[in-house]
Amino acid sequence: MSTEKFAVIGHPIEHSKSPLIHQAFASQFGKSISYEKLLSPLDGFSETVSRLLLEGYRGANITVPFKFEAFEASHVLSDRATAAGAVNTLSFKHEQIIGDNTDGCGLVNDILKHWQRNINGQKILLLGAGGAAQGVILPLLVQKPAQLTVANRSLDKAQTMVQRFEADAQLNQAKLAVQTFDDLAENYDIVINATSAGLQAEALPLKDTIFAHHTLAYDMMYGRETPFMQQARAAKAQVSDGLGMLVEQAAEAFYIWHGLRPDTAPVIQSFRQY
C-alpha cells in the first residue's frame, strides 16, 4: 500500500508541530503517512496548492497567513468553514479542493474533554473580533451556552462579526452580546483569549473582576505564559494555553482525511513534557 502524502502550508512554517502530531496519530493506527512542512511564497499560495493536487497529495493543513486564501481556493466548503470565513484543512478528491475549518472544534473539544468543563448553560466571554475569534463562534454556539459575549477594543468590529451569527444564536437558545474591553466587569465561567496580544507580550485592558475561582481562562496561544494567563492566574482562575486546541484541531483534520479518531491525550502530554 502506497504512503499517503500530506503537508502543512504556511509562511513562516519552521515552528509548526503539525508533522509531529500527525505522525503520532498515524502511529496509533499503524498507518504510514508522509507529512511535510511547506514554506509557500506569500504570493504563491494557489500555485503551491495546485502542485500538491498534481503530485497526488491527499490533503493539507493551512496556517498563517493563508487561511483566507485557502477559503477562496476551495471548490466546496463545509458549514463551519463558511461560518469561519477561513479554511485550515484542505482535502483533495477527484481534482476538487474541499475546505474545512477545525479550529473551533479543536477549542471546544479541548475544553470538554481535557478540562472536563461544560459549555452548555455557561456564560462565555470571547476576547477579540479577528479571524481567530470568528473561527470559534459557531462551534461555541452549537454547545448552547447561556450567553456568549464578544469583547473587543472596537465595538463596531465586534458587532459586525456577531451579526453573522444571530440566527445561530437563536437556534441554540444562546444570548449573544457585544462589549468593549473597558466595559467588562462581571465574572464569566469561561474566558477565551482569541487576540494576538500575547505575541507582543501585550496586556489587554481587562479588569480582574471578569475572573473568579471557577473561571477557566483559556488563551489560544501556546508555548509561553502570556500576560492574559498571568493576570488570570493572579486572580485565582484556572488557566490553560492553546496546546490542547492545536492537537484537537489536528485530530479533527486527521478524522476528515482518514475516518479515524486518534487518542489526543498522550500526544498533548508528550508535548507538555517536550
C-alpha atoms as a PDB file:
ATOM      1  CA  MET A   1       0.000   0.000   0.000  1.00  0.00           C
ATOM      2  CA  SER A   2       1.425   3.408  -1.009  1.00  0.00           C
ATOM      3  CA  THR A   3       2.213   6.060   1.573  1.00  0.00           C
ATOM      4  CA  GLU A   4      -0.402   8.823   1.633  1.00  0.00           C
ATOM      5  CA  LYS A   5       1.032  12.330   1.326  1.00  0.00           C
ATOM      6  CA  PHE A   6       0.018  15.374   3.399  1.00  0.00           C
ATOM      7  CA  ALA A   7       1.535  18.749   4.214  1.00  0.00           C
ATOM      8  CA  VAL A   8       1.134  21.906   6.262  1.00  0.00           C
ATOM      9  CA  ILE A   9       1.454  25.180   4.335  1.00  0.00           C
ATOM     10  CA  GLY A  10       2.428  28.479   5.928  1.00  0.00           C
ATOM     11  CA  HIS A  11       4.823  31.426   5.946  1.00  0.00           C
ATOM     12  CA  PRO A  12       6.704  31.081   8.269  1.00  0.00           C
ATOM     13  CA  ILE A  13       6.391  27.326   8.798  1.00  0.00           C
ATOM     14  CA  GLU A  14       9.544  26.079  10.564  1.00  0.00           C
ATOM     15  CA  HIS A  15       7.885  26.315  14.002  1.00  0.00           C
ATOM     16  CA  SER A  16       4.969  24.028  13.033  1.00  0.00           C
ATOM     17  CA  LYS A  17       4.305  20.985  15.219  1.00  0.00           C
ATOM     18  CA  SER A  18       1.780  19.532  12.740  1.00  0.00           C
ATOM     19  CA  PRO A  19       4.096  16.864  11.232  1.00  0.00           C
ATOM     20  CA  LEU A  20       4.948  15.500  14.699  1.00  0.00           C
ATOM     21  CA  ILE A  21       1.283  15.499  15.739  1.00  0.00           C
ATOM     22  CA  HIS A  22       0.009  13.734  12.610  1.00  0.00           C
ATOM     23  CA  GLN A  23       2.806  11.149  12.674  1.00  0.00           C
ATOM     24  CA  ALA A  24       1.917  10.444  16.324  1.00  0.00           C
ATOM     25  CA  PHE A  25      -1.727   9.950  15.330  1.00  0.00           C
ATOM     26  CA  ALA A  26      -0.799   7.717  12.380  1.00  0.00           C
ATOM     27  CA  SER A  27       1.351   5.500  14.609  1.00  0.00           C
ATOM     28  CA  GLN A  28      -1.685   4.816  16.825  1.00  0.00           C
ATOM     29  CA  PHE A  29      -3.306   3.056  13.851  1.00  0.00           C
ATOM     30  CA  GLY A  30      -0.190   1.555  12.265  1.00  0.00           C
ATOM     31  CA  LYS A  31      -0.589   3.850   9.257  1.00  0.00           C
ATOM     32  CA  SER A  32       2.288   5.023   7.086  1.00  0.00           C
ATOM     33  CA  ILE A  33       1.938   8.659   6.040  1.00  0.00           C
ATOM     34  CA  SER A  34       4.202  11.370   4.703  1.00  0.00           C
ATOM     35  CA  TYR A  35       3.593  14.790   6.258  1.00  0.00           C
ATOM     36  CA  GLU A  36       5.896  17.717   5.479  1.00  0.00           C
ATOM     37  CA  LYS A  37       6.226  21.428   6.159  1.00  0.00           C
ATOM     38  CA  LEU A  38       5.881  23.592   3.049  1.00  0.00           C
ATOM     39  CA  LEU A  39       7.005  27.214   3.040  1.00  0.00           C
ATOM     40  CA  SER A  40       4.836  28.899   0.415  1.00  0.00           C
ATOM     41  CA  PRO A  41       5.806  32.254  -1.098  1.00  0.00           C
ATOM     42  CA  LEU A  42       3.411  34.943   0.132  1.00  0.00           C
ATOM     43  CA  ASP A  43       2.221  35.497  -3.440  1.00  0.00           C
ATOM     44  CA  GLY A  44       2.323  31.831  -4.447  1.00  0.00           C
ATOM     45  CA  PHE A  45      -0.252  30.002  -2.317  1.00  0.00           C
ATOM     46  CA  SER A  46      -2.538  28.925  -5.180  1.00  0.00           C
ATOM     47  CA  GLU A  47       0.463  27.576  -7.125  1.00  0.00           C
ATOM     48  CA  THR A  48       1.566  25.590  -4.055  1.00  0.00           C
ATOM     49  CA  VAL A  49      -1.893  24.008  -3.714  1.00  0.00           C
ATOM     50  CA  SER A  50      -2.052  23.246  -7.454  1.00  0.00           C
ATOM     51  CA  ARG A  51       1.294  21.439  -7.202  1.00  0.00           C
ATOM     52  CA  LEU A  52       0.037  19.293  -4.317  1.00  0.00           C
ATOM     53  CA  LEU A  53      -3.022  18.342  -6.357  1.00  0.00           C
ATOM     54  CA  LEU A  54      -0.862  17.358  -9.333  1.00  0.00           C
ATOM     55  CA  GLU A  55       1.520  15.353  -7.136  1.00  0.00           C
ATOM     56  CA  GLY A  56      -1.255  13.262  -5.599  1.00  0.00           C
ATOM     57  CA  TYR A  57      -1.371  14.665  -2.068  1.00  0.00           C
ATOM     58  CA  ARG A  58      -4.452  13.693  -0.047  1.00  0.00           C
ATOM     59  CA  GLY A  59      -4.729  16.920   1.900  1.00  0.00           C
ATOM     60  CA  ALA A  60      -3.061  19.834   3.627  1.00  0.00           C
ATOM     61  CA  ASN A  61      -3.326  21.880   6.780  1.00  0.00           C
ATOM     62  CA  ILE A  62      -3.152  25.645   6.373  1.00  0.00           C
ATOM     63  CA  THR A  63      -1.677  28.094   8.833  1.00  0.00           C
ATOM     64  CA  VAL A  64      -0.873  31.815   8.944  1.00  0.00           C
ATOM     65  CA  PRO A  65      -1.223  33.765   6.697  1.00  0.00           C
ATOM     66  CA  PHE A  66      -3.057  31.608   4.155  1.00  0.00           C
ATOM     67  CA  LYS A  67      -6.364  30.606   5.810  1.00  0.00           C
ATOM     68  CA  PHE A  68      -8.368  33.193   3.871  1.00  0.00           C
ATOM     69  CA  GLU A  69      -6.677  32.287   0.580  1.00  0.00           C
ATOM     70  CA  ALA A  70      -7.438  28.612   1.280  1.00  0.00           C
ATOM     71  CA  PHE A  71     -11.087  29.611   1.729  1.00  0.00           C
ATOM     72  CA  GLU A  72     -11.059  31.297  -1.700  1.00  0.00           C
ATOM     73  CA  ALA A  73      -9.249  28.355  -3.327  1.00  0.00           C
ATOM     74  CA  SER A  74     -11.786  25.751  -2.132  1.00  0.00           C
ATOM     75  CA  HIS A  75     -14.340  24.384  -4.601  1.00  0.00           C
ATOM     76  CA  VAL A  76     -16.520  23.032  -1.772  1.00  0.00           C
ATOM     77  CA  LEU A  77     -16.793  24.459   1.765  1.00  0.00           C
ATOM     78  CA  SER A  78     -18.067  22.887   4.980  1.00  0.00           C
ATOM     79  CA  ASP A  79     -20.622  24.778   7.080  1.00  0.00           C
ATOM     80  CA  ARG A  80     -18.010  25.535   9.723  1.00  0.00           C
ATOM     81  CA  ALA A  81     -15.550  26.849   7.111  1.00  0.00           C
ATOM     82  CA  THR A  82     -18.288  29.093   5.719  1.00  0.00           C
ATOM     83  CA  ALA A  83     -19.083  30.375   9.220  1.00  0.00           C
ATOM     84  CA  ALA A  84     -15.403  30.956   9.988  1.00  0.00           C
ATOM     85  CA  GLY A  85     -14.720  32.644   6.658  1.00  0.00           C
ATOM     86  CA  ALA A  86     -11.413  30.771   6.666  1.00  0.00           C
ATOM     87  CA  VAL A  87     -10.035  27.292   5.968  1.00  0.00           C
ATOM     88  CA  ASN A  88      -7.343  25.398   7.872  1.00  0.00           C
ATOM     89  CA  THR A  89      -7.877  21.924   6.365  1.00  0.00           C
ATOM     90  CA  LEU A  90      -7.927  21.028   2.667  1.00  0.00           C
ATOM     91  CA  SER A  91      -8.868  17.641   1.223  1.00  0.00           C
ATOM     92  CA  PHE A  92      -8.088  16.755  -2.389  1.00  0.00           C
ATOM     93  CA  LYS A  93     -10.642  14.434  -4.002  1.00  0.00           C
ATOM     94  CA  HIS A  94     -11.108  13.846  -7.742  1.00  0.00           C
ATOM     95  CA  GLU A  95      -9.331  17.132  -8.580  1.00  0.00           C
ATOM     96  CA  GLN A  96     -11.656  19.004  -6.229  1.00  0.00           C
ATOM     97  CA  ILE A  97     -10.432  21.087  -3.293  1.00  0.00           C
ATOM     98  CA  ILE A  98     -12.652  20.694  -0.219  1.00  0.00           C
ATOM     99  CA  GLY A  99     -12.178  23.260   2.538  1.00  0.00           C
ATOM    100  CA  ASP A 100     -12.967  22.808   6.227  1.00  0.00           C
ATOM    101  CA  ASN A 101     -12.138  24.608   9.463  1.00  0.00           C
ATOM    102  CA  THR A 102     -11.333  22.555  12.561  1.00  0.00           C
ATOM    103  CA  ASP A 103     -10.110  25.385  14.830  1.00  0.00           C
ATOM    104  CA  GLY A 104     -13.382  25.910  16.709  1.00  0.00           C
ATOM    105  CA  CYS A 105     -13.942  22.181  17.040  1.00  0.00           C
ATOM    106  CA  GLY A 106     -10.415  21.875  18.467  1.00  0.00           C
ATOM    107  CA  LEU A 107     -11.083  24.551  21.076  1.00  0.00           C
ATOM    108  CA  VAL A 108     -14.415  23.049  22.129  1.00  0.00           C
ATOM    109  CA  ASN A 109     -13.049  19.501  22.331  1.00  0.00           C
ATOM    110  CA  ASP A 110     -10.120  20.598  24.494  1.00  0.00           C
ATOM    111  CA  ILE A 111     -12.457  22.393  26.908  1.00  0.00           C
ATOM    112  CA  LEU A 112     -14.931  19.485  27.050  1.00  0.00           C
ATOM    113  CA  LYS A 113     -12.503  16.552  27.097  1.00  0.00           C
ATOM    114  CA  HIS A 114      -9.323  17.682  28.798  1.00  0.00           C
ATOM    115  CA  TRP A 115     -10.702  20.358  31.093  1.00  0.00           C
ATOM    116  CA  GLN A 116     -13.992  18.471  31.549  1.00  0.00           C
ATOM    117  CA  ARG A 117     -15.856  21.758  31.551  1.00  0.00           C
ATOM    118  CA  ASN A 118     -19.394  22.203  30.283  1.00  0.00           C
ATOM    119  CA  ILE A 119     -20.112  24.973  27.798  1.00  0.00           C
ATOM    120  CA  ASN A 120     -23.850  24.259  27.839  1.00  0.00           C
ATOM    121  CA  GLY A 121     -25.680  26.799  30.005  1.00  0.00           C
ATOM    122  CA  GLN A 122     -22.485  28.712  30.831  1.00  0.00           C
ATOM    123  CA  LYS A 123     -21.507  32.373  30.495  1.00  0.00           C
ATOM    124  CA  ILE A 124     -18.713  32.577  27.923  1.00  0.00           C
ATOM    125  CA  LEU A 125     -16.529  35.594  27.150  1.00  0.00           C
ATOM    126  CA  LEU A 126     -14.631  35.662  23.841  1.00  0.00           C
ATOM    127  CA  LEU A 127     -11.906  38.306  23.583  1.00  0.00           C
ATOM    128  CA  GLY A 128     -11.162  39.620  20.089  1.00  0.00           C
ATOM    129  CA  ALA A 129     -13.014  40.091  16.814  1.00  0.00           C
ATOM    130  CA  GLY A 130     -10.454  38.894  14.274  1.00  0.00           C
ATOM    131  CA  GLY A 131     -10.191  35.669  12.309  1.00  0.00           C
ATOM    132  CA  ALA A 132      -9.322  33.519  15.334  1.00  0.00           C
ATOM    133  CA  ALA A 133     -12.465  34.670  17.156  1.00  0.00           C
ATOM    134  CA  GLN A 134     -14.718  34.291  14.126  1.00  0.00           C
ATOM    135  CA  GLY A 135     -13.473  30.740  13.621  1.00  0.00           C
ATOM    136  CA  VAL A 136     -14.737  29.554  17.013  1.00  0.00           C
ATOM    137  CA  ILE A 137     -18.108  31.328  17.416  1.00  0.00           C
ATOM    138  CA  LEU A 138     -20.291  28.737  15.650  1.00  0.00           C
ATOM    139  CA  PRO A 139     -18.771  25.692  17.437  1.00  0.00           C
ATOM    140  CA  LEU A 140     -19.240  27.507  20.762  1.00  0.00           C
ATOM    141  CA  LEU A 141     -22.879  28.377  19.981  1.00  0.00           C
ATOM    142  CA  VAL A 142     -23.653  24.774  18.995  1.00  0.00           C
ATOM    143  CA  GLN A 143     -22.814  23.830  22.601  1.00  0.00           C
ATOM    144  CA  LYS A 144     -25.748  26.037  23.748  1.00  0.00           C
ATOM    145  CA  PRO A 145     -24.111  28.429  26.208  1.00  0.00           C
ATOM    146  CA  ALA A 146     -26.486  30.636  28.188  1.00  0.00           C
ATOM    147  CA  GLN A 147     -24.586  33.669  26.933  1.00  0.00           C
ATOM    148  CA  LEU A 148     -21.691  34.355  24.581  1.00  0.00           C
ATOM    149  CA  THR A 149     -20.210  37.834  24.933  1.00  0.00           C
ATOM    150  CA  VAL A 150     -17.714  39.056  22.339  1.00  0.00           C
ATOM    151  CA  ALA A 151     -15.438  41.837  23.594  1.00  0.00           C
ATOM    152  CA  ASN A 152     -13.078  43.932  21.512  1.00  0.00           C
ATOM    153  CA  ARG A 153     -11.321  47.292  21.541  1.00  0.00           C
ATOM    154  CA  SER A 154     -13.508  48.364  18.611  1.00  0.00           C
ATOM    155  CA  LEU A 155     -17.207  47.795  19.294  1.00  0.00           C
ATOM    156  CA  ASP A 156     -18.098  48.253  15.606  1.00  0.00           C
ATOM    157  CA  LYS A 157     -15.838  45.399  14.502  1.00  0.00           C
ATOM    158  CA  ALA A 158     -17.280  43.074  17.138  1.00  0.00           C
ATOM    159  CA  GLN A 159     -20.864  43.994  16.208  1.00  0.00           C
ATOM    160  CA  THR A 160     -20.198  43.401  12.512  1.00  0.00           C
ATOM    161  CA  MET A 161     -18.796  39.944  13.256  1.00  0.00           C
ATOM    162  CA  VAL A 162     -21.533  38.958  15.699  1.00  0.00           C
ATOM    163  CA  GLN A 163     -24.352  39.919  13.307  1.00  0.00           C
ATOM    164  CA  ARG A 164     -23.393  36.964  11.100  1.00  0.00           C
ATOM    165  CA  PHE A 165     -24.235  34.577  13.933  1.00  0.00           C
ATOM    166  CA  GLU A 166     -27.530  35.946  15.271  1.00  0.00           C
ATOM    167  CA  ALA A 167     -29.606  33.189  13.630  1.00  0.00           C
ATOM    168  CA  ASP A 168     -27.247  30.515  15.008  1.00  0.00           C
ATOM    169  CA  ALA A 169     -27.558  32.026  18.485  1.00  0.00           C
ATOM    170  CA  GLN A 170     -31.368  31.943  18.301  1.00  0.00           C
ATOM    171  CA  LEU A 171     -31.309  28.369  17.019  1.00  0.00           C
ATOM    172  CA  ASN A 172     -29.174  27.331  20.002  1.00  0.00           C
ATOM    173  CA  GLN A 173     -31.083  29.485  22.523  1.00  0.00           C
ATOM    174  CA  ALA A 174     -27.938  31.435  23.372  1.00  0.00           C
ATOM    175  CA  LYS A 175     -27.797  35.136  24.123  1.00  0.00           C
ATOM    176  CA  LEU A 176     -25.198  36.967  22.006  1.00  0.00           C
ATOM    177  CA  ALA A 177     -23.757  40.205  23.392  1.00  0.00           C
ATOM    178  CA  VAL A 178     -21.023  42.668  22.444  1.00  0.00           C
ATOM    179  CA  GLN A 179     -18.894  44.855  24.732  1.00  0.00           C
ATOM    180  CA  THR A 180     -15.658  46.820  24.740  1.00  0.00           C
ATOM    181  CA  PHE A 181     -12.812  45.590  26.940  1.00  0.00           C
ATOM    182  CA  ASP A 182     -13.261  48.628  29.193  1.00  0.00           C
ATOM    183  CA  ASP A 183     -16.941  47.869  29.843  1.00  0.00           C
ATOM    184  CA  LEU A 184     -16.364  44.307  31.062  1.00  0.00           C
ATOM    185  CA  ALA A 185     -16.959  43.934  34.798  1.00  0.00           C
ATOM    186  CA  GLU A 186     -18.846  40.755  35.805  1.00  0.00           C
ATOM    187  CA  ASN A 187     -17.208  37.335  36.003  1.00  0.00           C
ATOM    188  CA  TYR A 188     -17.621  34.556  33.447  1.00  0.00           C
ATOM    189  CA  ASP A 189     -17.467  30.763  33.541  1.00  0.00           C
ATOM    190  CA  ILE A 190     -15.047  30.583  30.602  1.00  0.00           C
ATOM    191  CA  VAL A 191     -12.924  33.434  29.206  1.00  0.00           C
ATOM    192  CA  ILE A 192     -11.241  32.749  25.837  1.00  0.00           C
ATOM    193  CA  ASN A 193      -8.469  34.993  24.539  1.00  0.00           C
ATOM    194  CA  ALA A 194      -8.570  34.997  20.727  1.00  0.00           C
ATOM    195  CA  THR A 195      -6.484  38.165  20.351  1.00  0.00           C
ATOM    196  CA  SER A 196      -2.871  38.233  19.188  1.00  0.00           C
ATOM    197  CA  ALA A 197      -1.807  40.370  22.170  1.00  0.00           C
ATOM    198  CA  GLY A 198       0.252  37.502  23.578  1.00  0.00           C
ATOM    199  CA  LEU A 199       2.535  37.551  20.535  1.00  0.00           C
ATOM    200  CA  GLN A 200       3.739  41.004  21.548  1.00  0.00           C
ATOM    201  CA  ALA A 201       3.627  40.168  25.283  1.00  0.00           C
ATOM    202  CA  GLU A 202       0.947  42.862  25.464  1.00  0.00           C
ATOM    203  CA  ALA A 203      -1.509  43.034  28.365  1.00  0.00           C
ATOM    204  CA  LEU A 204      -5.181  43.520  27.498  1.00  0.00           C
ATOM    205  CA  PRO A 205      -7.076  46.250  29.402  1.00  0.00           C
ATOM    206  CA  LEU A 206      -9.128  43.766  31.444  1.00  0.00           C
ATOM    207  CA  LYS A 207     -10.470  44.126  34.977  1.00  0.00           C
ATOM    208  CA  ASP A 208      -9.627  41.308  37.386  1.00  0.00           C
ATOM    209  CA  THR A 209     -13.356  41.029  38.173  1.00  0.00           C
ATOM    210  CA  ILE A 210     -14.024  39.065  34.963  1.00  0.00           C
ATOM    211  CA  PHE A 211     -12.172  36.157  36.597  1.00  0.00           C
ATOM    212  CA  ALA A 212     -13.420  34.097  39.546  1.00  0.00           C
ATOM    213  CA  HIS A 213     -12.156  30.913  41.214  1.00  0.00           C
ATOM    214  CA  HIS A 214     -14.463  28.836  38.998  1.00  0.00           C
ATOM    215  CA  THR A 215     -13.402  30.599  35.760  1.00  0.00           C
ATOM    216  CA  LEU A 216     -11.443  28.761  33.062  1.00  0.00           C
ATOM    217  CA  ALA A 217      -9.186  31.355  31.392  1.00  0.00           C
ATOM    218  CA  TYR A 218      -8.158  29.925  28.017  1.00  0.00           C
ATOM    219  CA  ASP A 219      -5.530  31.512  25.772  1.00  0.00           C
ATOM    220  CA  MET A 220      -5.373  30.239  22.186  1.00  0.00           C
ATOM    221  CA  MET A 221      -1.625  30.949  22.163  1.00  0.00           C
ATOM    222  CA  TYR A 222       0.744  28.222  23.309  1.00  0.00           C
ATOM    223  CA  GLY A 223       4.423  27.924  24.096  1.00  0.00           C
ATOM    224  CA  ARG A 224       4.726  30.579  26.780  1.00  0.00           C
ATOM    225  CA  GLU A 225       2.795  32.224  29.593  1.00  0.00           C
ATOM    226  CA  THR A 226       1.012  35.289  28.176  1.00  0.00           C
ATOM    227  CA  PRO A 227       0.088  38.435  30.158  1.00  0.00           C
ATOM    228  CA  PHE A 228      -3.565  37.281  29.913  1.00  0.00           C
ATOM    229  CA  MET A 229      -2.670  33.964  31.552  1.00  0.00           C
ATOM    230  CA  GLN A 230      -0.597  35.719  34.224  1.00  0.00           C
ATOM    231  CA  GLN A 231      -3.466  38.064  35.090  1.00  0.00           C
ATOM    232  CA  ALA A 232      -5.969  35.197  35.265  1.00  0.00           C
ATOM    233  CA  ARG A 233      -3.643  33.108  37.429  1.00  0.00           C
ATOM    234  CA  ALA A 234      -3.137  36.021  39.831  1.00  0.00           C
ATOM    235  CA  ALA A 235      -6.941  36.306  40.060  1.00  0.00           C
ATOM    236  CA  LYS A 236      -7.061  32.601  41.102  1.00  0.00           C
ATOM    237  CA  ALA A 237      -8.759  31.393  37.902  1.00  0.00           C
ATOM    238  CA  GLN A 238      -7.968  28.063  36.218  1.00  0.00           C
ATOM    239  CA  VAL A 239      -5.594  28.753  33.316  1.00  0.00           C
ATOM    240  CA  SER A 240      -4.927  26.983  30.010  1.00  0.00           C
ATOM    241  CA  ASP A 241      -2.846  27.729  26.946  1.00  0.00           C
ATOM    242  CA  GLY A 242      -3.842  26.623  23.438  1.00  0.00           C
ATOM    243  CA  LEU A 243      -1.719  23.479  23.091  1.00  0.00           C
ATOM    244  CA  GLY A 244      -4.731  21.205  23.563  1.00  0.00           C
ATOM    245  CA  MET A 245      -6.647  23.169  20.919  1.00  0.00           C
ATOM    246  CA  LEU A 246      -3.729  22.709  18.499  1.00  0.00           C
ATOM    247  CA  VAL A 247      -3.723  18.932  18.999  1.00  0.00           C
ATOM    248  CA  GLU A 248      -7.520  18.647  18.920  1.00  0.00           C
ATOM    249  CA  GLN A 249      -7.889  20.627  15.679  1.00  0.00           C
ATOM    250  CA  ALA A 250      -5.254  18.332  14.169  1.00  0.00           C
ATOM    251  CA  ALA A 251      -7.209  15.293  15.395  1.00  0.00           C
ATOM    252  CA  GLU A 252     -10.327  16.556  13.611  1.00  0.00           C
ATOM    253  CA  ALA A 253      -8.317  17.051  10.401  1.00  0.00           C
ATOM    254  CA  PHE A 254      -6.932  13.515  10.799  1.00  0.00           C
ATOM    255  CA  TYR A 255     -10.505  12.235  11.109  1.00  0.00           C
ATOM    256  CA  ILE A 256     -11.570  14.130   7.968  1.00  0.00           C
ATOM    257  CA  TRP A 257      -8.764  12.521   5.972  1.00  0.00           C
ATOM    258  CA  HIS A 258      -8.674   9.012   7.436  1.00  0.00           C
ATOM    259  CA  GLY A 259     -12.058   8.418   9.100  1.00  0.00           C
ATOM    260  CA  LEU A 260     -10.206   7.544  12.328  1.00  0.00           C
ATOM    261  CA  ARG A 261     -10.340   9.357  15.683  1.00  0.00           C
ATOM    262  CA  PRO A 262      -6.943   9.410  17.412  1.00  0.00           C
ATOM    263  CA  ASP A 263      -6.370   9.500  21.150  1.00  0.00           C
ATOM    264  CA  THR A 264      -5.229  13.067  21.784  1.00  0.00           C
ATOM    265  CA  ALA A 265      -4.361  12.865  25.498  1.00  0.00           C
ATOM    266  CA  PRO A 266      -0.962  11.123  25.138  1.00  0.00           C
ATOM    267  CA  VAL A 267       0.020  13.475  22.307  1.00  0.00           C
ATOM    268  CA  ILE A 268      -0.803  16.560  24.384  1.00  0.00           C
ATOM    269  CA  GLN A 269       1.096  15.063  27.318  1.00  0.00           C
ATOM    270  CA  SER A 270       4.172  14.345  25.192  1.00  0.00           C
ATOM    271  CA  PHE A 271       4.308  17.984  24.044  1.00  0.00           C
ATOM    272  CA  ARG A 272       3.896  19.228  27.613  1.00  0.00           C
ATOM    273  CA  GLN A 273       6.986  17.213  28.561  1.00  0.00           C
ATOM    274  CA  TYR A 274       8.813  18.230  25.398  1.00  0.00           C
END
